Protein backbone atom coordinates (compact mmCIF):
# COMPACT_ATOMS: atom_id res chain seq x y z
CA UNK A 1 73.82 9.10 80.99
CA UNK A 2 74.30 12.80 80.39
CA UNK A 3 72.05 13.97 83.19
CA UNK A 4 71.32 11.01 85.48
CA UNK A 5 72.72 7.80 86.92
CA UNK A 6 71.20 4.36 87.36
CA UNK A 7 72.72 1.93 89.85
CA UNK A 8 71.83 -1.35 91.48
CA UNK A 9 73.17 -1.33 95.02
CA UNK A 10 73.55 -4.15 97.48
CA UNK A 11 74.18 -2.38 100.79
CA UNK A 12 75.39 -4.71 103.52
CA UNK A 13 75.06 -2.25 106.40
CA UNK A 14 73.95 1.28 107.21
CA UNK A 15 71.16 3.29 105.70
CA UNK A 16 70.64 3.77 101.99
CA UNK A 17 70.28 7.53 102.52
CA UNK A 18 73.70 7.75 104.18
CA UNK A 19 75.34 5.53 101.56
CA UNK A 20 73.95 7.54 98.65
CA UNK A 21 74.60 10.85 100.38
CA UNK A 22 78.28 9.99 100.79
CA UNK A 23 78.57 8.64 97.25
CA UNK A 24 76.89 11.68 95.75
CA UNK A 25 79.11 14.01 97.78
CA UNK A 26 82.34 12.42 96.54
CA UNK A 27 81.08 12.17 92.96
CA UNK A 28 80.09 15.83 93.11
CA UNK A 29 83.60 16.82 94.25
CA UNK A 30 85.09 14.96 91.28
CA UNK A 31 82.57 16.45 88.82
CA UNK A 32 83.12 19.99 90.08
CA UNK A 33 86.89 19.55 89.90
CA UNK A 34 86.60 18.33 86.28
CA UNK A 35 84.30 21.23 85.38
CA UNK A 36 86.69 23.75 86.92
CA UNK A 37 89.59 22.22 84.96
CA UNK A 38 87.54 22.80 81.81
CA UNK A 39 86.71 26.35 83.00
CA UNK A 40 83.02 25.45 83.31
CA UNK A 41 80.52 25.53 86.19
CA UNK A 42 77.74 23.30 87.48
CA UNK A 43 74.31 24.75 86.78
CA UNK A 44 71.26 24.75 88.98
CA UNK A 45 72.25 26.73 92.08
CA UNK A 46 69.22 28.67 93.28
CA UNK A 47 69.75 32.46 93.63
CA UNK A 48 69.11 32.29 97.38
CA UNK A 49 71.79 29.61 97.71
CA UNK A 50 74.22 31.63 95.57
CA UNK A 51 73.81 34.56 97.98
CA UNK A 52 74.88 32.21 100.80
CA UNK A 53 78.04 31.40 98.85
CA UNK A 54 77.00 28.09 97.29
CA UNK A 55 78.77 27.68 93.96
CA UNK A 56 77.71 24.25 92.73
CA UNK A 57 74.64 22.01 92.63
CA UNK A 58 75.52 18.74 90.96
CA UNK A 59 72.77 16.42 92.18
CA UNK A 60 69.17 16.84 93.16
CA UNK A 61 68.64 16.41 96.86
CA UNK A 62 66.33 13.44 96.41
CA UNK A 63 66.63 10.10 94.64
CA UNK A 64 64.26 7.43 93.43
CA UNK A 65 64.97 4.08 95.08
CA UNK A 66 63.12 0.85 94.45
CA UNK A 67 63.74 -2.31 96.43
CA UNK A 68 64.31 -5.40 94.30
CA UNK A 69 62.63 -8.28 96.07
CA UNK A 70 63.50 -11.12 93.71
CA UNK A 71 65.71 -12.15 90.81
CA UNK A 72 63.18 -11.35 88.05
CA UNK A 73 62.93 -7.79 89.38
CA UNK A 74 66.74 -7.44 89.43
CA UNK A 75 66.88 -8.75 85.85
CA UNK A 76 64.17 -6.32 84.75
CA UNK A 77 66.03 -3.37 86.31
CA UNK A 78 69.31 -4.47 84.71
CA UNK A 79 67.66 -4.69 81.30
CA UNK A 80 66.18 -1.21 81.71
CA UNK A 81 69.51 0.26 82.87
CA UNK A 82 71.50 -1.46 80.12
CA UNK A 83 69.18 -0.41 77.31
CA UNK A 84 68.62 3.17 78.54
CA UNK A 85 71.62 4.65 76.61
CA UNK A 86 70.18 3.52 73.27
CA UNK A 87 66.57 4.50 73.94
CA UNK A 88 64.63 7.50 72.66
CA UNK A 89 66.35 10.84 72.87
CA UNK A 90 69.62 9.44 74.22
CA UNK A 91 70.85 7.23 71.39
CA UNK A 92 74.38 7.45 72.86
CA UNK A 93 75.74 4.30 71.20
CA UNK A 94 74.60 1.94 68.44
CA UNK A 95 74.87 -1.14 70.67
CA UNK A 96 74.04 -0.89 74.38
CA UNK A 97 76.91 -3.29 75.18
CA UNK A 98 79.39 -0.60 74.08
CA UNK A 99 78.22 2.19 76.38
CA UNK A 100 81.39 2.78 78.47
CA UNK A 101 79.62 3.68 81.73
CA UNK A 102 77.50 0.55 81.86
CA UNK A 103 77.78 -2.98 83.19
CA UNK A 104 76.10 -4.28 80.01
CA UNK A 105 79.40 -5.48 78.52
CA UNK A 106 80.09 -7.47 81.67
CA UNK A 107 76.67 -9.11 81.77
CA UNK A 108 76.31 -9.65 78.02
CA UNK A 109 79.82 -10.64 76.90
CA UNK A 110 81.79 -11.05 80.15
CA UNK A 111 83.98 -8.00 79.66
CA UNK A 112 84.80 -5.64 82.55
CA UNK A 113 84.43 -2.03 81.49
CA UNK A 114 85.30 1.32 82.99
CA UNK A 115 84.03 0.28 86.41
CA UNK A 116 84.55 -3.03 88.17
CA UNK A 117 81.37 -5.10 88.35
CA UNK A 118 80.48 -8.02 90.58
CA UNK A 119 77.72 -10.24 89.20
CA UNK A 120 74.66 -9.84 91.36
CA UNK A 121 74.36 -13.64 91.71
CA UNK A 122 77.73 -13.67 93.49
CA UNK A 123 76.69 -11.20 96.19
CA UNK A 124 75.10 -13.73 98.53
CA UNK A 125 78.12 -16.02 98.30
CA UNK A 126 80.48 -13.10 99.03
CA UNK A 127 78.42 -12.05 102.02
CA UNK A 128 78.51 -15.60 103.47
CA UNK A 129 82.31 -15.88 103.03
CA UNK A 130 83.01 -12.85 105.25
């Protein structure tokens, strides 16, 4: 999505805050590097933070997390995430399966996309094998 990310996470240890904090930090480094290569800058740095030397603000400090307690809830979240790129103002692709930054192609037609996906139903079996 142009201005936000949806993910389903299955953390096996540690806190969600720490996991997301680390992920956001490394993603921000990559985004800033790409922007600098394109001679662009991340927007959103508050004037008071700029005076302290802060140059980039890629992510908001908070995030919206919802625990998925059962399979129907996971399925509902996946459907929302997969269809988001073709909804309302976004309309990023004609068919949600073809959005390159989504797991929809994997779940709908069994095709791995840009990012490697593990089917959520396999997670319990992976955890028990370790």
